[in-house]
Amino acid sequence: MVKEILLSELKFKAVRSSGAGGQNVNKVSSKVVLSFDLVNSLGLSQEEKELLKKKVATKLTQEGILIITCEEDRSQLKNKEIALNKFFKVI
């Protein structure tokens, strides 16, 4: 596993969070969706890919994209950090 390559392969998207949010409800895109193409990753060996496919099968799309979401905080930046930490715990 090469962490620098993995970081360059991550894609982040900000979307609107659900639930209560006070004055900013439905206005601020604070939920973060992290996606990672496990199948085509250059930062993982073939053995690591096969192991991860089994380990995170429920979080993979049919195309082999790992999806991690975070809407724990009202801050988009904080949610991005949390999603990144979740990603590396899974990996």
C-alpha atoms as a PDB file:
ATOM      1  CA  MET A   1       0.000   0.000   0.000  1.00  0.00           C
ATOM      2  CA  VAL A   2       1.411   3.353  -1.068  1.00  0.00           C
ATOM      3  CA  LYS A   3      -0.386   6.066   0.934  1.00  0.00           C
ATOM      4  CA  GLU A   4       0.611   8.963  -1.370  1.00  0.00           C
ATOM      5  CA  ILE A   5      -0.831   7.196  -4.429  1.00  0.00           C
ATOM      6  CA  LEU A   6      -4.016   6.304  -2.545  1.00  0.00           C
ATOM      7  CA  LEU A   7      -4.496   9.941  -1.506  1.00  0.00           C
ATOM      8  CA  SER A   8      -4.187  11.062  -5.132  1.00  0.00           C
ATOM      9  CA  GLU A   9      -6.831   8.517  -6.196  1.00  0.00           C
ATOM     10  CA  LEU A  10      -9.515   9.690  -3.753  1.00  0.00           C
ATOM     11  CA  LYS A  11     -12.457  11.748  -4.975  1.00  0.00           C
ATOM     12  CA  PHE A  12     -14.538  13.929  -2.688  1.00  0.00           C
ATOM     13  CA  LYS A  13     -17.991  15.342  -3.303  1.00  0.00           C
ATOM     14  CA  ALA A  14     -19.958  17.653  -1.024  1.00  0.00           C
ATOM     15  CA  VAL A  15     -23.729  17.205  -0.856  1.00  0.00           C
ATOM     16  CA  ARG A  16     -26.488  18.548   1.330  1.00  0.00           C
ATOM     17  CA  SER A  17     -26.922  16.847   4.676  1.00  0.00           C
ATOM     18  CA  SER A  18     -30.247  15.511   5.816  1.00  0.00           C
ATOM     19  CA  GLY A  19     -31.903  16.326   9.114  1.00  0.00           C
ATOM     20  CA  ALA A  20     -32.130  19.421  11.259  1.00  0.00           C
ATOM     21  CA  GLY A  21     -29.678  22.212  10.631  1.00  0.00           C
ATOM     22  CA  GLY A  22     -31.163  25.449  11.865  1.00  0.00           C
ATOM     23  CA  GLN A  23     -30.907  28.432   9.543  1.00  0.00           C
ATOM     24  CA  ASN A  24     -28.557  26.662   7.135  1.00  0.00           C
ATOM     25  CA  VAL A  25     -30.741  23.618   6.572  1.00  0.00           C
ATOM     26  CA  ASN A  26     -30.912  22.713   2.862  1.00  0.00           C
ATOM     27  CA  LYS A  27     -28.512  25.553   2.012  1.00  0.00           C
ATOM     28  CA  VAL A  28     -25.065  24.288   2.970  1.00  0.00           C
ATOM     29  CA  SER A  29     -23.432  21.224   1.432  1.00  0.00           C
ATOM     30  CA  SER A  30     -21.665  19.833   4.480  1.00  0.00           C
ATOM     31  CA  LYS A  31     -22.044  16.080   3.915  1.00  0.00           C
ATOM     32  CA  VAL A  32     -18.942  14.588   2.287  1.00  0.00           C
ATOM     33  CA  VAL A  33     -18.927  11.534   0.016  1.00  0.00           C
ATOM     34  CA  LEU A  34     -15.526   9.915  -0.510  1.00  0.00           C
ATOM     35  CA  SER A  35     -15.143   7.525  -3.448  1.00  0.00           C
ATOM     36  CA  PHE A  36     -12.197   5.280  -4.233  1.00  0.00           C
ATOM     37  CA  ASP A  37     -11.791   3.056  -7.299  1.00  0.00           C
ATOM     38  CA  LEU A  38     -10.551  -0.109  -5.623  1.00  0.00           C
ATOM     39  CA  VAL A  39     -10.384  -2.167  -8.823  1.00  0.00           C
ATOM     40  CA  ASN A  40      -8.177   0.274 -10.762  1.00  0.00           C
ATOM     41  CA  SER A  41      -6.044   1.552  -7.882  1.00  0.00           C
ATOM     42  CA  LEU A  42      -2.318   1.777  -8.521  1.00  0.00           C
ATOM     43  CA  GLY A  43      -1.522   2.158  -4.827  1.00  0.00           C
ATOM     44  CA  LEU A  44      -2.580  -1.370  -3.852  1.00  0.00           C
ATOM     45  CA  SER A  45      -1.173  -4.748  -4.801  1.00  0.00           C
ATOM     46  CA  GLN A  46      -3.458  -7.361  -6.363  1.00  0.00           C
ATOM     47  CA  GLU A  47      -3.464  -9.324  -3.092  1.00  0.00           C
ATOM     48  CA  GLU A  48      -4.487  -6.230  -1.117  1.00  0.00           C
ATOM     49  CA  LYS A  49      -7.296  -5.548  -3.604  1.00  0.00           C
ATOM     50  CA  GLU A  50      -8.660  -9.093  -3.304  1.00  0.00           C
ATOM     51  CA  LEU A  51      -8.539  -8.969   0.505  1.00  0.00           C
ATOM     52  CA  LEU A  52     -10.284  -5.576   0.577  1.00  0.00           C
ATOM     53  CA  LYS A  53     -12.981  -6.714  -1.868  1.00  0.00           C
ATOM     54  CA  LYS A  54     -13.997  -9.370   0.658  1.00  0.00           C
ATOM     55  CA  LYS A  55     -13.581  -7.108   3.695  1.00  0.00           C
ATOM     56  CA  VAL A  56     -15.646  -4.167   2.403  1.00  0.00           C
ATOM     57  CA  ALA A  57     -18.015  -5.948   0.023  1.00  0.00           C
ATOM     58  CA  THR A  58     -21.062  -4.154   1.465  1.00  0.00           C
ATOM     59  CA  LYS A  59     -19.519  -0.718   0.830  1.00  0.00           C
ATOM     60  CA  LEU A  60     -18.549  -1.380  -2.796  1.00  0.00           C
ATOM     61  CA  THR A  61     -20.582  -0.529  -5.859  1.00  0.00           C
ATOM     62  CA  GLN A  62     -20.921  -3.089  -8.650  1.00  0.00           C
ATOM     63  CA  GLU A  63     -18.059  -1.310 -10.442  1.00  0.00           C
ATOM     64  CA  GLY A  64     -15.740  -1.782  -7.451  1.00  0.00           C
ATOM     65  CA  ILE A  65     -15.934   1.782  -6.121  1.00  0.00           C
ATOM     66  CA  LEU A  66     -15.615   2.122  -2.346  1.00  0.00           C
ATOM     67  CA  ILE A  67     -18.040   4.740  -0.990  1.00  0.00           C
ATOM     68  CA  ILE A  68     -17.644   6.349   2.438  1.00  0.00           C
ATOM     69  CA  THR A  69     -19.935   9.149   3.605  1.00  0.00           C
ATOM     70  CA  CYS A  70     -19.728  11.485   6.563  1.00  0.00           C
ATOM     71  CA  GLU A  71     -22.238  14.018   7.858  1.00  0.00           C
ATOM     72  CA  GLU A  72     -21.299  13.945  11.544  1.00  0.00           C
ATOM     73  CA  ASP A  73     -20.283  17.595  11.739  1.00  0.00           C
ATOM     74  CA  ARG A  74     -21.737  20.828  10.364  1.00  0.00           C
ATOM     75  CA  SER A  75     -18.358  21.681   8.853  1.00  0.00           C
ATOM     76  CA  GLN A  76     -17.561  20.306   5.399  1.00  0.00           C
ATOM     77  CA  LEU A  77     -13.832  20.381   6.161  1.00  0.00           C
ATOM     78  CA  LYS A  78     -14.284  18.414   9.397  1.00  0.00           C
ATOM     79  CA  ASN A  79     -16.470  15.868   7.608  1.00  0.00           C
ATOM     80  CA  LYS A  80     -13.784  15.467   4.947  1.00  0.00           C
ATOM     81  CA  GLU A  81     -11.196  14.748   7.646  1.00  0.00           C
ATOM     82  CA  ILE A  82     -13.502  12.217   9.333  1.00  0.00           C
ATOM     83  CA  ALA A  83     -14.218  10.479   5.993  1.00  0.00           C
ATOM     84  CA  LEU A  84     -10.487  10.302   5.276  1.00  0.00           C
ATOM     85  CA  ASN A  85      -9.833   8.755   8.704  1.00  0.00           C
ATOM     86  CA  LYS A  86     -12.630   6.220   8.115  1.00  0.00           C
ATOM     87  CA  PHE A  87     -11.087   5.342   4.749  1.00  0.00           C
ATOM     88  CA  PHE A  88      -7.665   4.601   6.223  1.00  0.00           C
ATOM     89  CA  LYS A  89      -9.220   2.546   9.050  1.00  0.00           C
ATOM     90  CA  VAL A  90     -10.989   0.427   6.439  1.00  0.00           C
ATOM     91  CA  ILE A  91      -7.871   0.095   4.311  1.00  0.00           C
END
